[in-house]
């Protein structure tokens, strides 16, 4: 994130003490699953520091519980980069690629024979996610992953038609494409916590989830602005607000900073109301889950200040990775 843009969230960051070891375990897992076949991809992977992100996202997690969150986000990140190249504006091809991920979820974590390394890696992640999970929790996790996949198809269609969504439409799409709800499912696995359906759909919880997604996604949009602007992408809140409001970059960023402060203030108010209005059984779950959301916001901001994921710009039309990870082996 540009150093001259200040975002101060009212949530204190923390980092898992297992972060360094998690980095090494994630590297070994990614190499073993065939995701890092080219030296350039390995170097980029190390610069992203996904383990650092998830160690701040889940500061209380260590060992296998932390590794699952890291590996899942590695898969999502590699998938995102697969769609940065020639596939970016080809919705039919994107849909075909996403279908393979859906099939893995439907089959309970089975990759088809000859599947590409990214599909195989996702199958490994999905089997671990499904372990000891209730049917209701797993269905919700699948819904979040499916929303993430569907968003790629919609974004590809927008690019194909050179269509920039309006801000209201974009927020709805971004809450899927940003992967935040799926990452909060990972937080639950890391804490050995399951939010029951009645609490997951509670109006205050739903709004707090939206705020968490909006904060993280908007930080990411500012963080990745140069990359997306260079590649001619239309899916960035800064660019959308500039067009809608007719304002320059400085005024738009200032507006986003105000939005961020307002969202955080609302989150704190909702958190207080939630704890006061829930029966004891649900409050005992809502408290830790609220901590997950707080850690997500502070953890992303902490990571964004050091990660080099967006420092190497890839020209439009060129693939972000040297290796094609979706192709059948």
Protein backbone atom coordinates (compact mmCIF):
# COMPACT_ATOMS: atom_id res chain seq x y z
CA UNK A 1 0.00 0.00 0.00
CA UNK A 2 1.40 3.43 -0.84
CA UNK A 3 3.16 4.68 2.28
CA UNK A 4 1.64 8.17 2.07
CA UNK A 5 -1.91 6.82 2.47
CA UNK A 6 -2.78 6.35 6.13
CA UNK A 7 -5.39 3.90 7.32
CA UNK A 8 -5.58 3.57 11.08
CA UNK A 9 -8.03 0.93 12.28
CA UNK A 10 -9.19 0.81 15.92
CA UNK A 11 -8.21 -2.85 16.19
CA UNK A 12 -4.78 -3.91 17.48
CA UNK A 13 -2.90 -6.40 15.27
CA UNK A 14 -1.15 -9.51 16.57
CA UNK A 15 0.81 -12.25 14.80
CA UNK A 16 1.03 -15.98 15.50
CA UNK A 17 4.35 -17.00 17.07
CA UNK A 18 4.42 -19.85 14.53
CA UNK A 19 4.68 -17.52 11.53
CA UNK A 20 8.27 -18.29 10.50
CA UNK A 21 7.79 -22.05 10.63
CA UNK A 22 4.46 -21.68 8.80
CA UNK A 23 6.27 -19.90 5.96
CA UNK A 24 8.57 -22.88 5.52
CA UNK A 25 5.76 -25.43 5.76
CA UNK A 26 3.71 -23.49 3.19
CA UNK A 27 6.65 -23.40 0.80
CA UNK A 28 7.15 -27.17 1.11
CA UNK A 29 3.43 -27.85 0.63
CA UNK A 30 3.24 -25.62 -2.45
CA UNK A 31 6.27 -27.26 -4.02
CA UNK A 32 5.01 -30.76 -3.20
CA UNK A 33 1.63 -30.04 -4.84
CA UNK A 34 3.33 -28.73 -7.99
CA UNK A 35 2.37 -25.07 -7.60
CA UNK A 36 5.94 -23.78 -7.73
CA UNK A 37 7.67 -25.21 -10.76
CA UNK A 38 9.39 -22.09 -12.05
CA UNK A 39 12.00 -20.07 -10.12
CA UNK A 40 10.16 -16.84 -10.93
CA UNK A 41 6.94 -18.19 -9.43
CA UNK A 42 8.80 -19.32 -6.31
CA UNK A 43 10.27 -15.84 -5.88
CA UNK A 44 6.89 -14.20 -6.30
CA UNK A 45 5.34 -16.64 -3.85
CA UNK A 46 7.90 -15.77 -1.19
CA UNK A 47 7.35 -12.04 -1.74
CA UNK A 48 3.59 -12.41 -1.20
CA UNK A 49 4.06 -13.84 2.31
CA UNK A 50 0.64 -15.50 2.48
CA UNK A 51 1.74 -17.24 5.67
CA UNK A 52 2.41 -13.80 7.15
CA UNK A 53 -1.08 -12.68 6.18
CA UNK A 54 -2.79 -15.65 7.77
CA UNK A 55 -0.60 -15.53 10.88
CA UNK A 56 -1.92 -12.00 11.43
CA UNK A 57 -5.46 -13.00 10.36
CA UNK A 58 -5.38 -15.88 12.88
CA UNK A 59 -2.87 -14.78 15.54
CA UNK A 60 -3.88 -17.54 17.96
CA UNK A 61 -3.39 -20.38 15.45
CA UNK A 62 -0.31 -22.60 15.19
CA UNK A 63 0.70 -25.84 13.49
CA UNK A 64 -1.87 -27.66 11.36
CA UNK A 65 -4.65 -25.20 12.24
CA UNK A 66 -2.61 -22.29 10.87
CA UNK A 67 -1.33 -24.30 7.88
CA UNK A 68 -4.83 -25.07 6.63
CA UNK A 69 -5.69 -21.38 6.50
CA UNK A 70 -2.45 -20.60 4.70
CA UNK A 71 -2.79 -23.36 2.12
CA UNK A 72 -6.39 -22.43 1.34
CA UNK A 73 -5.44 -18.80 0.70
CA UNK A 74 -2.46 -19.90 -1.39
CA UNK A 75 -4.90 -21.78 -3.65
CA UNK A 76 -7.22 -18.76 -3.89
CA UNK A 77 -4.29 -16.44 -4.62
CA UNK A 78 -2.84 -18.65 -7.33
CA UNK A 79 -6.30 -18.94 -8.87
CA UNK A 80 -6.62 -15.16 -8.89
CA UNK A 81 -3.34 -14.88 -10.76
CA UNK A 82 -4.39 -17.52 -13.30
CA UNK A 83 -7.21 -15.16 -14.28
CA UNK A 84 -4.92 -12.13 -14.58
CA UNK A 85 -3.59 -13.10 -17.98
CA UNK A 86 -5.28 -13.99 -21.29
CA UNK A 87 -8.30 -15.50 -19.46
CA UNK A 88 -9.20 -12.17 -17.84
CA UNK A 89 -11.80 -11.20 -20.47
CA UNK A 90 -12.99 -14.67 -21.55
CA UNK A 91 -16.00 -15.55 -19.37
CA UNK A 92 -16.70 -18.92 -21.00
CA UNK A 93 -13.18 -20.16 -20.39
CA UNK A 94 -13.23 -18.77 -16.86
CA UNK A 95 -16.51 -20.57 -16.20
CA UNK A 96 -15.04 -23.85 -17.45
CA UNK A 97 -12.02 -23.44 -15.19
CA UNK A 98 -14.19 -22.64 -12.17
CA UNK A 99 -16.41 -25.65 -12.83
CA UNK A 100 -13.54 -27.96 -11.93
CA UNK A 101 -13.34 -26.37 -8.47
CA UNK A 102 -17.07 -26.79 -7.99
CA UNK A 103 -16.79 -30.47 -8.89
CA UNK A 104 -14.13 -30.93 -6.21
CA UNK A 105 -16.53 -29.58 -3.58
CA UNK A 106 -19.43 -31.67 -4.85
CA UNK A 107 -17.35 -34.85 -4.72
CA UNK A 108 -16.08 -34.15 -1.22
CA UNK A 109 -12.52 -33.30 -2.22
CA UNK A 110 -11.84 -35.59 -5.17
CA UNK A 111 -9.91 -34.21 -8.12
CA UNK A 112 -10.60 -35.73 -11.52
CA UNK A 113 -7.84 -37.91 -13.04
CA UNK A 114 -5.17 -35.78 -14.68
CA UNK A 115 -6.40 -32.57 -13.05
CA UNK A 116 -4.03 -29.62 -13.02
CA UNK A 117 -1.95 -28.93 -9.90
CA UNK A 118 -4.16 -26.13 -8.66
CA UNK A 119 -7.23 -28.38 -8.71
CA UNK A 120 -5.28 -31.10 -6.91
CA UNK A 121 -4.15 -28.58 -4.29
CA UNK A 122 -7.72 -27.38 -3.80
CA UNK A 123 -8.90 -30.98 -3.36
CA UNK A 124 -6.32 -31.42 -0.61
CA UNK A 125 -7.52 -28.21 1.09
CA UNK A 126 -11.20 -29.13 0.77
CA UNK A 127 -10.72 -32.55 2.36
CA UNK A 128 -9.00 -30.89 5.32
CA UNK A 129 -11.73 -28.26 5.56
CA UNK A 130 -14.41 -30.94 5.58
CA UNK A 131 -12.76 -32.96 8.35
CA UNK A 132 -14.86 -32.84 11.52
CA UNK A 133 -17.10 -30.12 10.06
CA UNK A 134 -20.86 -30.19 10.42
CA UNK A 135 -23.00 -30.46 7.30
CA UNK A 136 -24.41 -26.96 7.86
CA UNK A 137 -20.96 -25.40 8.29
CA UNK A 138 -19.56 -27.14 5.23
CA UNK A 139 -22.53 -26.05 3.11
CA UNK A 140 -21.93 -22.45 4.12
CA UNK A 141 -18.21 -22.77 3.36
CA UNK A 142 -19.07 -24.20 -0.07
CA UNK A 143 -21.45 -21.30 -0.68
CA UNK A 144 -18.65 -18.82 0.05
CA UNK A 145 -16.16 -20.60 -2.22
CA UNK A 146 -18.79 -20.83 -4.96
CA UNK A 147 -19.50 -17.12 -4.66
CA UNK A 148 -15.79 -16.48 -5.07
CA UNK A 149 -15.72 -18.59 -8.24
CA UNK A 150 -18.90 -17.02 -9.66
CA UNK A 151 -17.44 -13.55 -9.15
CA UNK A 152 -14.58 -14.40 -11.52
CA UNK A 153 -17.08 -15.23 -14.25
CA UNK A 154 -18.98 -11.97 -13.72
CA UNK A 155 -15.77 -9.95 -13.68
CA UNK A 156 -14.62 -11.60 -16.92
CA UNK A 157 -17.95 -10.69 -18.55
CA UNK A 158 -17.56 -7.08 -17.41
CA UNK A 159 -14.08 -6.94 -18.90
CA UNK A 160 -15.23 -8.52 -22.16
CA UNK A 161 -17.86 -5.78 -22.53
CA UNK A 162 -15.58 -3.07 -21.07
CA UNK A 163 -18.25 -2.42 -18.46
CA UNK A 164 -17.47 -0.76 -15.13
CA UNK A 165 -20.07 -1.63 -12.44
CA UNK A 166 -21.73 1.09 -10.35
CA UNK A 167 -20.53 1.33 -6.76
CA UNK A 168 -23.59 -0.36 -5.18
CA UNK A 169 -23.31 -3.28 -7.62
CA UNK A 170 -19.57 -3.40 -7.08
CA UNK A 171 -19.82 -3.73 -3.30
CA UNK A 172 -22.10 -6.76 -3.72
CA UNK A 173 -19.70 -8.34 -6.23
CA UNK A 174 -16.63 -7.48 -4.20
CA UNK A 175 -17.99 -9.21 -1.10
CA UNK A 176 -17.80 -12.39 -3.18
CA UNK A 177 -14.59 -11.76 -5.10
CA UNK A 178 -12.72 -10.53 -2.03
CA UNK A 179 -12.88 -14.01 -0.44
CA UNK A 180 -13.27 -12.52 3.05
CA UNK A 181 -16.23 -14.66 4.13
CA UNK A 182 -14.41 -17.81 3.03
CA UNK A 183 -11.34 -16.64 4.96
CA UNK A 184 -13.50 -16.12 8.05
CA UNK A 185 -14.65 -19.72 7.63
CA UNK A 186 -10.95 -20.56 7.81
CA UNK A 187 -10.70 -18.51 10.99
CA UNK A 188 -13.40 -20.70 12.50
CA UNK A 189 -11.43 -23.83 11.60
CA UNK A 190 -8.31 -22.29 13.10
CA UNK A 191 -10.18 -21.61 16.36
CA UNK A 192 -12.05 -24.94 16.29
CA UNK A 193 -15.21 -22.85 16.26
CA UNK A 194 -18.45 -23.28 14.32
CA UNK A 195 -20.89 -20.40 14.01
CA UNK A 196 -24.36 -22.02 13.94
CA UNK A 197 -26.77 -21.10 11.11
CA UNK A 198 -29.07 -19.10 13.39
CA UNK A 199 -26.16 -16.85 14.37
CA UNK A 200 -24.63 -16.68 10.90
CA UNK A 201 -27.84 -15.09 9.54
CA UNK A 202 -28.44 -12.79 12.51
CA UNK A 203 -28.93 -9.24 11.10
CA UNK A 204 -26.20 -7.72 13.27
CA UNK A 205 -23.73 -10.49 12.43
CA UNK A 206 -24.55 -10.16 8.73
CA UNK A 207 -23.88 -6.44 8.82
CA UNK A 208 -20.63 -6.93 10.74
CA UNK A 209 -19.52 -9.45 8.13
CA UNK A 210 -20.31 -6.95 5.37
CA UNK A 211 -18.28 -4.29 7.15
CA UNK A 212 -15.35 -6.65 7.63
CA UNK A 213 -15.42 -7.55 3.94
CA UNK A 214 -15.75 -3.92 2.88
CA UNK A 215 -12.82 -2.83 5.04
CA UNK A 216 -10.51 -5.61 3.86
CA UNK A 217 -11.59 -5.38 0.21
CA UNK A 218 -11.27 -1.60 0.11
CA UNK A 219 -7.81 -1.74 1.65
CA UNK A 220 -6.95 -4.30 -1.02
CA UNK A 221 -8.34 -2.05 -3.77
CA UNK A 222 -6.11 0.80 -2.64
CA UNK A 223 -3.20 -1.62 -2.25
CA UNK A 224 -3.65 -3.08 -5.76
CA UNK A 225 -4.70 0.14 -7.50
CA UNK A 226 -1.53 0.60 -9.52
CA UNK A 227 -1.56 -3.01 -10.66
CA UNK A 228 -5.19 -2.91 -11.79
CA UNK A 229 -4.96 0.53 -13.36
CA UNK A 230 -1.88 -0.54 -15.33
CA UNK A 231 -3.71 -3.63 -16.62
CA UNK A 232 -6.84 -1.67 -17.54
CA UNK A 233 -9.05 -3.50 -15.03
CA UNK A 234 -12.41 -1.94 -14.05
CA UNK A 235 -12.90 -3.71 -10.71
CA UNK A 236 -11.48 -1.27 -8.21
CA UNK A 237 -13.42 1.00 -5.86
CA UNK A 238 -11.02 3.90 -6.30
CA UNK A 239 -11.55 3.94 -10.07
CA UNK A 240 -15.31 3.46 -9.72
CA UNK A 241 -15.71 6.34 -7.24
CA UNK A 242 -13.53 8.60 -9.35
CA UNK A 243 -15.82 8.01 -12.31
CA UNK A 244 -19.07 8.32 -10.34
CA UNK A 245 -18.10 11.37 -8.33
CA UNK A 246 -15.99 13.09 -10.95
CA UNK A 247 -13.26 13.59 -8.36
CA UNK A 248 -9.51 13.31 -8.55
CA UNK A 249 -7.34 10.71 -6.87
CA UNK A 250 -6.63 12.71 -3.70
CA UNK A 251 -10.30 13.53 -3.02
CA UNK A 252 -11.33 9.94 -3.73
CA UNK A 253 -8.78 8.49 -1.33
CA UNK A 254 -9.89 10.99 1.33
CA UNK A 255 -13.47 9.82 0.88
CA UNK A 256 -12.38 6.20 1.24
CA UNK A 257 -10.55 7.07 4.46
CA UNK A 258 -13.77 8.60 5.82
CA UNK A 259 -15.73 5.51 4.78
CA UNK A 260 -13.23 3.34 6.60
CA UNK A 261 -13.60 5.34 9.81
CA UNK A 262 -17.39 5.22 9.57
CA UNK A 263 -17.41 1.46 8.97
CA UNK A 264 -15.17 0.79 11.96
CA UNK A 265 -17.27 3.00 14.23
CA UNK A 266 -20.40 1.18 13.10
CA UNK A 267 -18.75 -2.20 13.68
CA UNK A 268 -17.93 -1.30 17.30
CA UNK A 269 -21.50 -0.13 17.90
CA UNK A 270 -22.93 -3.31 16.39
CA UNK A 271 -20.56 -5.45 18.42
CA UNK A 272 -21.82 -3.89 21.64
CA UNK A 273 -25.46 -4.32 20.61
CA UNK A 274 -24.87 -7.93 19.62
CA UNK A 275 -23.39 -8.95 22.94
CA UNK A 276 -26.18 -7.21 24.85
CA UNK A 277 -28.98 -8.80 22.84
CA UNK A 278 -27.95 -12.44 22.54
CA UNK A 279 -28.76 -15.37 24.82
CA UNK A 280 -25.75 -16.64 26.75
CA UNK A 281 -25.19 -19.66 24.49
CA UNK A 282 -24.95 -17.57 21.33
CA UNK A 283 -22.98 -14.79 23.02
CA UNK A 284 -20.31 -17.36 23.91
CA UNK A 285 -19.83 -18.02 20.18
CA UNK A 286 -20.39 -14.47 18.92
CA UNK A 287 -17.56 -13.14 21.09
CA UNK A 288 -14.81 -15.28 19.54
CA UNK A 289 -16.28 -14.81 16.06
CA UNK A 290 -16.23 -11.04 16.53
CA UNK A 291 -12.57 -11.42 17.48
CA UNK A 292 -12.07 -13.24 14.15
CA UNK A 293 -13.51 -10.27 12.26
CA UNK A 294 -11.40 -7.78 14.21
CA UNK A 295 -8.27 -9.83 13.52
CA UNK A 296 -9.17 -10.04 9.83
CA UNK A 297 -9.26 -6.25 9.48
CA UNK A 298 -6.19 -5.49 11.57
CA UNK A 299 -4.32 -8.50 10.17
CA UNK A 300 -4.86 -7.52 6.55
CA UNK A 301 -3.69 -3.96 7.21
CA UNK A 302 -0.62 -5.24 9.06
CA UNK A 303 0.27 -7.58 6.19
CA UNK A 304 -0.38 -4.97 3.47
CA UNK A 305 2.35 -2.73 4.87
CA UNK A 306 5.07 -5.31 4.23
CA UNK A 307 3.91 -7.67 1.47
CA UNK A 308 5.43 -7.20 -1.98
CA UNK A 309 2.53 -8.88 -3.79
CA UNK A 310 1.63 -5.73 -5.71
CA UNK A 311 5.11 -4.31 -6.19
CA UNK A 312 5.90 -6.16 -9.43
CA UNK A 313 3.50 -5.00 -12.11
CA UNK A 314 2.63 -7.44 -14.89
CA UNK A 315 1.77 -5.81 -18.24
CA UNK A 316 -1.78 -6.23 -19.48
CA UNK A 317 -2.27 -9.39 -21.53
CA UNK A 318 0.63 -11.23 -19.92
CA UNK A 319 0.11 -14.03 -17.39
CA UNK A 320 0.97 -13.22 -13.80
CA UNK A 321 2.66 -16.61 -13.31
CA UNK A 322 5.17 -18.43 -15.45
CA UNK A 323 3.41 -21.78 -14.97
CA UNK A 324 -0.08 -22.74 -16.16
CA UNK A 325 -1.62 -24.40 -13.11
CA UNK A 326 -5.11 -25.15 -14.42
CA UNK A 327 -4.09 -27.29 -17.38
CA UNK A 328 -4.53 -31.05 -17.10
CA UNK A 329 -1.36 -33.02 -16.47
